[in-house]
Protein backbone atom coordinates (compact mmCIF):
# COMPACT_ATOMS: atom_id res chain seq x y z
CA MET A 1 45.46 37.07 -0.48
CA ASN A 2 41.96 35.99 -1.29
CA GLN A 3 41.12 32.47 -0.23
CA MET A 4 39.20 30.30 -2.67
CA ARG A 5 36.25 28.46 -1.16
CA THR A 6 35.16 25.16 -2.55
CA MET A 7 31.55 24.16 -2.04
CA VAL A 8 31.00 20.45 -1.57
CA PHE A 9 27.54 19.09 -2.27
CA GLN A 10 26.65 15.88 -0.52
CA THR A 11 25.44 13.22 -2.93
CA ILE A 12 23.54 10.05 -2.33
CA THR A 13 25.13 6.65 -1.73
CA ILE A 14 24.27 3.81 -4.07
CA THR A 15 24.17 0.79 -1.80
CA HIS A 16 22.16 -2.26 -0.84
CA GLY A 17 18.95 -1.75 1.12
CA HIS A 18 15.46 -3.14 1.65
CA ASN A 19 14.34 -4.12 -1.85
CA LYS A 20 10.58 -4.36 -2.40
CA ASP A 21 11.13 -6.08 -5.76
CA HIS A 22 13.21 -8.80 -4.05
CA ARG A 23 16.25 -8.00 -6.20
CA TRP A 24 18.76 -8.30 -3.38
CA ASP A 25 21.59 -8.64 -5.88
CA LEU A 26 21.15 -5.05 -7.11
CA LYS A 27 22.16 -1.83 -5.42
CA GLN A 28 19.53 0.89 -5.19
CA PHE A 29 18.68 4.47 -4.42
CA VAL A 30 15.48 5.82 -2.87
CA LEU A 31 13.27 8.46 -4.47
CA ALA A 32 10.98 10.54 -2.25
CA MET A 33 8.11 12.25 -4.06
CA VAL A 34 5.12 14.38 -3.14
CA THR A 35 2.18 14.85 -5.50
CA ASN A 36 -1.10 16.70 -5.29
CA GLN A 37 -4.49 14.96 -5.40
CA HIS A 38 -4.23 14.69 -9.22
CA GLY A 39 -0.90 12.87 -9.13
CA ILE A 40 1.10 15.89 -10.37
CA PRO A 41 4.55 15.94 -8.69
CA LEU A 42 5.22 18.89 -6.40
CA PHE A 43 8.48 17.83 -4.79
CA THR A 44 11.10 15.13 -5.24
CA GLN A 45 14.46 14.24 -3.76
CA PRO A 46 16.72 11.19 -4.09
CA TYR A 47 18.11 9.45 -1.02
CA SER A 48 20.72 6.79 -0.37
CA GLY A 49 19.67 3.19 -0.90
CA ASN A 50 19.63 2.27 2.79
CA GLU A 51 17.74 5.27 4.16
CA SER A 52 14.84 4.63 6.53
CA ASP A 53 11.34 5.28 5.19
CA LYS A 54 10.30 6.71 8.57
CA LYS A 55 13.07 9.31 8.43
CA ILE A 56 12.54 10.12 4.74
CA LEU A 57 8.80 10.76 5.11
CA LEU A 58 9.30 13.19 7.99
CA GLU A 59 12.08 15.10 6.20
CA THR A 60 10.03 15.24 3.00
CA ILE A 61 7.01 16.78 4.74
CA GLN A 62 9.21 19.36 6.46
CA LYS A 63 10.92 20.35 3.19
CA VAL A 64 7.61 20.67 1.37
CA LYS A 65 6.37 23.01 4.10
CA GLU A 66 9.51 25.14 3.72
CA ASN A 67 9.48 25.31 -0.08
CA LEU A 68 5.78 25.48 -0.99
CA ASN A 69 3.65 28.46 -0.10
CA ILE A 70 0.24 26.85 0.29
CA SER A 71 -2.49 29.22 1.38
CA ASP A 72 -5.22 26.59 1.59
CA LYS A 73 -5.48 23.99 4.31
CA ALA A 74 -3.15 21.17 3.33
CA TYR A 75 -3.10 17.54 4.44
CA TYR A 76 -0.04 15.34 4.13
CA VAL A 77 -1.16 11.79 3.38
CA ALA A 78 1.36 9.02 4.02
CA ASP A 79 1.38 5.27 4.59
CA SER A 80 2.00 3.47 7.88
CA ALA A 81 5.79 3.97 7.68
CA PHE A 82 5.19 7.62 8.65
CA TYR A 83 3.14 6.83 11.75
CA THR A 84 5.64 6.77 14.61
CA SER A 85 5.62 8.53 17.97
CA HIS A 86 8.64 10.64 16.97
CA ASN A 87 7.18 11.76 13.64
CA ILE A 88 3.75 12.81 14.86
CA GLN A 89 5.23 14.55 17.91
CA THR A 90 7.72 16.42 15.71
CA LEU A 91 4.99 17.73 13.38
CA GLY A 92 2.77 18.67 16.34
CA ARG A 93 -0.81 19.85 16.00
CA HIS A 94 -0.56 22.52 13.31
CA THR A 95 0.78 20.43 10.43
CA PHE A 96 -2.18 18.30 9.39
CA TRP A 97 -1.54 14.74 8.32
CA ILE A 98 -3.50 11.59 7.49
CA SER A 99 -1.86 8.21 7.95
CA ARG A 100 -2.54 4.57 8.71
CA PRO A 101 -1.39 3.44 12.18
CA PRO A 102 0.36 0.05 11.95
CA THR A 103 -1.32 -3.01 13.46
CA THR A 104 1.73 -3.51 15.69
CA ILE A 105 0.10 -0.95 18.02
CA ASP A 106 -2.09 -2.67 20.62
CA GLU A 107 -4.81 0.01 20.44
CA VAL A 108 -5.10 -0.47 16.68
CA ARG A 109 -5.50 -4.25 16.95
CA ALA A 110 -8.10 -3.80 19.68
CA LEU A 111 -10.12 -1.36 17.57
CA ILE A 112 -10.00 -3.61 14.49
CA HIS A 113 -11.46 -6.51 16.53
CA ALA A 114 -13.92 -4.37 18.49
CA ASP A 115 -17.68 -4.85 18.21
CA VAL A 116 -18.65 -1.31 17.21
CA PRO A 117 -21.53 0.09 15.11
CA MET A 118 -20.31 0.79 11.58
CA LYS A 119 -22.18 3.29 9.41
CA PRO A 120 -22.13 3.58 5.60
CA ALA A 121 -19.49 5.89 4.20
CA GLY A 122 -19.95 8.21 1.25
CA ILE A 123 -18.03 5.76 -0.94
CA GLU A 124 -19.73 2.58 -2.12
CA GLY A 125 -18.46 -0.60 -0.47
CA TYR A 126 -17.11 1.19 2.62
CA SER A 127 -18.42 1.66 6.14
CA LEU A 128 -16.76 3.41 9.05
CA TYR A 129 -16.68 4.16 12.76
CA GLU A 130 -14.83 7.10 14.30
CA CYS A 131 -13.31 7.60 17.75
CA ARG A 132 -10.66 9.69 19.51
CA SER A 133 -7.12 8.73 20.49
CA ASP A 134 -4.22 10.38 22.32
CA TYR A 135 -1.48 8.14 21.00
CA ALA A 136 2.00 9.62 21.63
CA GLY A 137 0.34 12.52 23.44
CA ILE A 138 -1.18 13.99 20.25
CA PRO A 139 -5.02 14.30 20.09
CA GLN A 140 -6.22 12.43 17.02
CA LYS A 141 -9.31 11.19 15.25
CA TRP A 142 -9.14 7.49 14.42
CA VAL A 143 -11.47 6.13 11.75
CA LEU A 144 -12.10 2.39 11.65
CA ILE A 145 -12.87 1.55 8.01
CA TYR A 146 -14.35 -1.63 6.55
CA SER A 147 -13.79 -2.33 2.86
CA GLU A 148 -15.90 -5.04 1.28
CA LYS A 149 -13.55 -5.24 -1.68
CA GLY A 150 -10.56 -5.41 0.64
CA ARG A 151 -12.10 -8.31 2.53
CA HIS A 152 -12.65 -10.36 -0.62
CA ALA A 153 -9.09 -9.63 -1.75
CA LYS A 154 -7.63 -10.90 1.54
CA GLU A 155 -9.80 -14.00 1.96
CA LYS A 156 -7.66 -16.14 -0.37
CA THR A 157 -4.51 -15.09 1.43
CA TYR A 158 -6.15 -15.81 4.78
CA ALA A 159 -7.17 -19.29 3.60
CA ARG A 160 -3.59 -20.12 2.60
CA THR A 161 -2.24 -18.73 5.86
CA LEU A 162 -4.80 -20.72 7.87
CA GLU A 163 -3.88 -23.92 6.08
CA GLY A 164 -0.21 -23.42 6.92
CA SER A 165 -1.03 -22.56 10.52
CA VAL A 166 -3.12 -25.73 10.93
CA LYS A 167 -0.27 -27.89 9.61
CA ALA A 168 2.19 -26.25 11.99
CA ALA A 169 -0.30 -26.65 14.86
CA HIS A 170 -0.59 -30.41 14.23
CA LYS A 171 3.17 -30.78 14.61
CA SER A 172 3.15 -28.68 17.77
CA TRP A 173 0.24 -30.66 19.24
CA LYS A 174 2.01 -33.94 18.49
CA LYS A 175 4.94 -32.79 20.62
CA LEU A 176 2.61 -31.70 23.42
CA SER A 177 0.64 -34.95 23.39
CA SER A 178 3.87 -36.92 23.76
CA ARG A 179 4.73 -35.13 26.99
CA GLU A 180 4.00 -36.75 30.34
CA PHE A 181 2.54 -34.77 33.23
CA ALA A 182 2.63 -35.77 36.87
CA CYS A 183 -0.97 -34.73 37.54
CA GLU A 184 -4.17 -34.03 35.66
CA PRO A 185 -4.33 -30.27 36.47
CA ASP A 186 -0.87 -29.75 34.95
CA ALA A 187 -1.95 -31.53 31.76
CA ARG A 188 -5.14 -29.46 31.50
CA MET A 189 -3.25 -26.22 32.14
CA ALA A 190 -0.76 -27.02 29.37
CA ALA A 191 -3.59 -27.88 26.95
CA GLU A 192 -5.52 -24.70 27.74
CA ARG A 193 -2.38 -22.61 27.28
CA TRP A 194 -1.73 -24.29 23.94
CA PHE A 195 -5.29 -23.70 22.66
CA ALA A 196 -5.07 -20.07 23.78
CA GLU A 197 -2.05 -19.73 21.50
CA HIS A 198 -3.94 -21.44 18.66
CA PRO A 199 -7.44 -19.87 18.78
CA PHE A 200 -8.29 -21.09 15.25
CA LEU A 201 -8.60 -24.63 16.67
CA SER A 202 -11.51 -25.77 18.81
CA PRO A 203 -10.55 -26.55 22.46
CA GLY A 204 -13.79 -28.36 23.30
CA ASN A 205 -12.82 -31.94 22.40
CA TYR A 206 -9.48 -32.47 24.09
CA GLU A 207 -9.17 -34.95 26.92
CA VAL A 208 -6.61 -35.90 29.59
CA VAL A 209 -5.59 -39.55 29.39
CA PRO A 210 -4.03 -41.30 32.43
CA ARG A 211 -1.45 -44.03 31.89
CA VAL A 212 0.42 -46.40 34.18
CA LYS A 213 4.18 -46.20 33.80
CA LYS A 214 7.00 -48.30 35.24
CA GLU A 215 9.29 -46.46 37.63
CA ASN A 216 12.38 -47.98 36.01
CA GLY A 217 11.38 -46.59 32.62
CA LYS A 218 11.23 -49.95 30.87
CA ARG A 219 8.45 -50.86 28.47
CA GLY A 220 5.88 -53.60 28.82
CA ARG A 221 3.26 -54.62 31.34
CA PRO A 222 4.34 -54.09 34.98
CA GLY A 223 5.11 -57.28 36.87
CA LYS A 224 3.70 -58.24 40.23
CA GLY A 225 5.09 -55.99 42.93
CA GLU A 226 6.92 -53.78 40.42
CA GLN A 227 6.81 -50.06 41.29
CA VAL A 228 4.64 -47.98 38.97
CA SER A 229 3.35 -44.40 38.70
CA VAL A 230 0.47 -42.73 36.92
CA VAL A 231 1.27 -40.08 34.28
CA TYR A 232 -1.11 -37.95 32.24
CA SER A 233 -1.10 -36.84 28.62
CA VAL A 234 -3.48 -34.85 26.42
CA ALA A 235 -5.29 -35.95 23.25
CA SER A 236 -7.57 -34.17 20.78
CA PRO A 237 -8.78 -34.55 17.15
CA LEU A 238 -7.89 -30.83 16.50
CA GLU A 239 -10.90 -29.42 14.66
CA VAL A 240 -10.87 -25.97 13.10
CA ASN A 241 -12.86 -23.41 15.11
CA ALA A 242 -15.36 -22.37 12.42
CA GLU A 243 -16.86 -19.60 14.54
CA PHE A 244 -13.46 -18.02 15.15
CA VAL A 245 -12.53 -18.25 11.45
CA GLU A 246 -15.76 -16.59 10.31
CA ARG A 247 -15.30 -13.82 12.84
CA GLU A 248 -11.73 -13.27 11.68
CA LYS A 249 -12.88 -13.06 8.07
CA GLU A 250 -15.19 -10.21 9.00
CA TYR A 251 -12.18 -8.31 10.33
CA LEU A 252 -10.10 -8.87 7.18
CA GLY A 253 -11.49 -5.79 5.43
CA ARG A 254 -10.91 -3.52 8.43
CA PHE A 255 -8.14 -0.97 8.85
CA VAL A 256 -7.61 2.26 10.80
CA VAL A 257 -6.79 5.69 9.40
CA ALA A 258 -5.74 8.50 11.74
CA THR A 259 -5.54 12.29 11.47
CA ASN A 260 -4.62 15.09 13.85
CA ASP A 261 -7.37 17.33 12.44
CA LEU A 262 -10.17 16.61 14.89
CA ASP A 263 -12.69 18.62 12.82
CA LEU A 264 -12.17 16.67 9.59
CA ASP A 265 -15.19 14.58 8.58
CA ALA A 266 -14.60 10.82 8.76
CA GLY A 267 -15.78 10.38 5.17
CA LEU A 268 -13.23 12.92 3.97
CA VAL A 269 -10.51 11.14 5.95
CA LEU A 270 -11.25 8.02 3.92
CA SER A 271 -11.48 9.96 0.65
CA TYR A 272 -8.19 11.79 1.20
CA TYR A 273 -6.43 8.59 2.25
CA LYS A 274 -7.61 6.83 -0.91
CA GLY A 275 -6.12 9.75 -2.83
CA GLN A 276 -2.71 8.42 -1.83
CA GLN A 277 -3.09 6.10 -4.82
CA SER A 278 -2.06 9.03 -7.03
CA VAL A 279 1.49 8.74 -5.66
CA GLU A 280 1.46 4.97 -6.19
CA ARG A 281 0.35 5.49 -9.81
CA GLY A 282 3.27 7.86 -10.24
CA PHE A 283 5.77 5.27 -9.05
CA ARG A 284 4.16 2.67 -11.30
CA PHE A 285 4.78 5.07 -14.19
CA LEU A 286 8.45 5.44 -13.22
CA LYS A 287 8.88 1.66 -13.04
CA ASP A 288 6.90 0.88 -16.19
CA ASN A 289 9.21 -0.42 -18.90
CA SER A 290 6.82 0.89 -21.56
CA PHE A 291 8.06 4.45 -21.02
CA HIS A 292 11.77 3.57 -20.78
CA VAL A 293 12.45 5.84 -17.81
CA ALA A 294 12.94 3.15 -15.14
CA GLN A 295 16.28 1.69 -16.27
CA VAL A 296 19.34 3.12 -14.55
CA PHE A 297 22.68 2.29 -16.17
CA LEU A 298 24.76 4.94 -14.43
CA LYS A 299 27.39 4.62 -11.70
CA LYS A 300 28.21 8.20 -10.77
CA GLU A 301 25.95 9.39 -7.95
CA SER A 302 25.54 12.93 -9.26
CA ARG A 303 24.38 11.64 -12.64
CA ILE A 304 21.87 9.31 -10.98
CA GLU A 305 20.49 12.27 -9.05
CA ALA A 306 20.13 14.20 -12.32
CA LEU A 307 18.45 11.22 -13.96
CA SER A 308 15.95 10.96 -11.09
CA MET A 309 14.99 14.58 -11.72
CA ILE A 310 14.43 13.84 -15.43
CA MET A 311 12.33 10.78 -14.50
CA VAL A 312 10.05 12.88 -12.30
CA LEU A 313 9.91 15.61 -14.96
CA CYS A 314 8.59 12.98 -17.41
CA LEU A 315 6.00 12.01 -14.82
CA PHE A 316 5.08 15.69 -14.41
CA VAL A 317 4.31 16.06 -18.13
CA TYR A 318 2.41 12.76 -18.17
CA ALA A 319 0.34 13.63 -15.07
CA VAL A 320 -0.52 17.15 -16.29
CA ALA A 321 -1.65 15.79 -19.66
CA GLU A 322 -3.80 13.13 -17.99
CA TRP A 323 -5.35 15.64 -15.58
CA LEU A 324 -6.07 18.08 -18.44
CA LEU A 325 -7.71 15.43 -20.62
CA ARG A 326 -9.88 14.09 -17.79
CA SER A 327 -10.91 17.61 -16.75
CA ARG A 328 -11.98 18.59 -20.26
CA LEU A 329 -13.82 15.32 -20.80
CA LYS A 330 -15.90 16.09 -17.71
CA GLU A 331 -16.42 19.71 -18.76
CA THR A 332 -17.65 18.74 -22.23
CA GLY A 333 -19.50 15.60 -21.16
CA LYS A 334 -17.62 13.54 -23.74
CA LYS A 335 -16.23 10.05 -23.20
CA VAL A 336 -13.46 7.85 -24.55
CA LYS A 337 -13.53 4.09 -25.08
CA ASN A 338 -11.11 2.15 -22.92
CA GLN A 339 -9.43 -1.20 -23.59
CA LEU A 340 -12.71 -3.00 -22.83
CA ASN A 341 -14.57 -0.83 -25.34
CA LYS A 342 -16.40 0.89 -22.48
CA LEU A 343 -17.04 4.64 -22.54
CA ILE A 344 -15.27 6.39 -19.66
CA GLN A 345 -14.16 9.89 -18.63
CA ASN A 346 -11.00 8.93 -16.75
CA PRO A 347 -8.71 7.23 -19.29
CA THR A 348 -5.02 6.77 -18.55
CA MET A 349 -2.53 8.59 -20.75
CA LYS A 350 -0.84 5.26 -21.38
CA TRP A 351 -3.98 4.11 -23.22
CA ILE A 352 -4.23 7.44 -25.05
CA PHE A 353 -0.62 7.07 -26.18
CA MET A 354 -1.49 3.65 -27.56
CA LEU A 355 -4.31 5.20 -29.60
CA PHE A 356 -1.96 7.88 -30.93
CA MET A 357 0.50 5.32 -32.26
CA LYS A 358 -1.70 4.93 -35.36
CA PRO A 359 -1.35 8.43 -36.87
CA ALA A 360 1.85 9.11 -38.81
CA GLU A 361 3.29 12.10 -40.67
CA VAL A 362 3.91 11.65 -44.40
CA THR A 363 6.06 13.97 -46.52
CA VAL A 364 5.52 14.01 -50.32
CA SER A 365 7.64 15.92 -52.84
CA VAL A 366 6.09 16.58 -56.27
CA ASN A 367 7.81 18.91 -58.74
CA SER A 368 9.91 20.44 -55.97
CA HIS A 369 6.77 21.12 -53.96
CA ILE A 370 6.79 19.49 -50.54
CA ARG A 371 3.55 18.57 -48.84
CA ARG A 372 3.12 17.15 -45.38
CA PHE A 373 -0.03 15.54 -44.04
CA ILE A 374 -1.20 13.06 -41.39
CA VAL A 375 -2.46 9.58 -42.21
CA ASN A 376 -4.49 7.15 -40.04
CA LEU A 377 -6.13 10.05 -38.24
CA ASP A 378 -9.31 8.24 -37.24
CA GLU A 379 -12.42 9.58 -35.51
CA VAL A 380 -11.33 8.54 -32.00
CA VAL A 381 -8.03 10.42 -32.22
CA THR A 382 -9.73 13.46 -33.76
CA GLU A 383 -12.26 13.63 -30.92
CA ILE A 384 -9.48 13.50 -28.34
CA LEU A 385 -7.67 16.33 -30.13
CA ASP A 386 -10.92 18.35 -30.16
CA VAL A 387 -11.17 17.93 -26.40
CA MET A 388 -7.51 18.85 -25.80
CA GLY A 389 -7.92 22.10 -27.72
CA PRO A 390 -6.33 24.05 -30.62
CA GLU A 391 -2.83 23.81 -29.12
CA CYS A 392 -2.86 20.07 -29.81
CA ARG A 393 -4.90 20.17 -33.03
CA LYS A 394 -2.35 22.31 -34.87
CA TYR A 395 0.35 19.62 -34.56
CA TYR A 396 -1.85 17.33 -36.64
CA PHE A 397 -2.61 20.03 -39.26
CA LEU A 398 -6.24 20.27 -38.19
CA ARG A 399 -8.04 23.53 -38.81
CA GLU A 400 -10.00 25.29 -36.15
CA THR A 401 -13.60 24.17 -35.79
CA CYS A 402 -16.18 26.91 -36.12
CA GLU A 403 -19.42 27.00 -34.20
CA MET A 404 -22.54 27.83 -36.27
């Protein structure tokens, strides 16, 4: 008798997890995606809602290696969630990656605050310094990068954080100043330890104040012959350490990017890492309500997996169209006006779609003869169609242009 075999495919689990949108009331699933430098998806896979990013990133890289036959030298660019001892040791030295080591690593914090000579990068507003590291036993090139734009973006946040830290420090100092110490050295040691924990406050103006105290603990002036002791407390006006704050602001725009390709130029490390924004743009597309692909109203896991594939397929079409338009604009030297009426060669397809909402197809029937034509086909739309080529022009009933 032949035995029937049933194949069971493991599906994802829709459950609660770490929600970056702070919607803790909603269940979720995780979507892993790999794109090329143009933002065109190459690989995608859904995961359960509580999967670890560190695990997902490693598995994704390994699956891409297995399923894509890439003859050229490839670099896998990932954020700091990828950078763990286990992940970089698992990939070894022959799978090239570029990632940002987290500041929880002591060596990273030390490099960010190091006094090193920075040289201009090939990208405006950036400077860099490169060094070697053997973190987790893997030889790496670490690139310390300073971003002027990043510093300005973080200064407001730093100011708010500093204000909150100063308020908390005043409460902590009030508790310390109310303590009584048996000797002056103990008081000074406690004050120095406290200022070491609060380096944003100046330690130069504190003083140790002696005070006579009754042995019986009662208040008031000691009487004649009453036993007393001398106790010490600390006092300070708590001024902000301006020099420390200015130095910290200089470090705000600094971050470290690492790679296991020791021969890769530091400028290219920065350029490739910035290319990671193509993936972020893809996820913004998937979450953008304008395209109506972000809402999930399904409960069955297998259908959610299928929907995630359709979502990424929509992104694939969108990204290919955007890449094609930008490439042909550069080839022809033509430009398109953006929302600010500025001529550019890298428009988003979302803006192009807005422009193409004007044209409409009209059907007219006269004496049983049906005619179809396009209205509101202005010069801007026509120029875009010219750039995109005859395949797009024919859908708007435009004849081929002839060169004289």
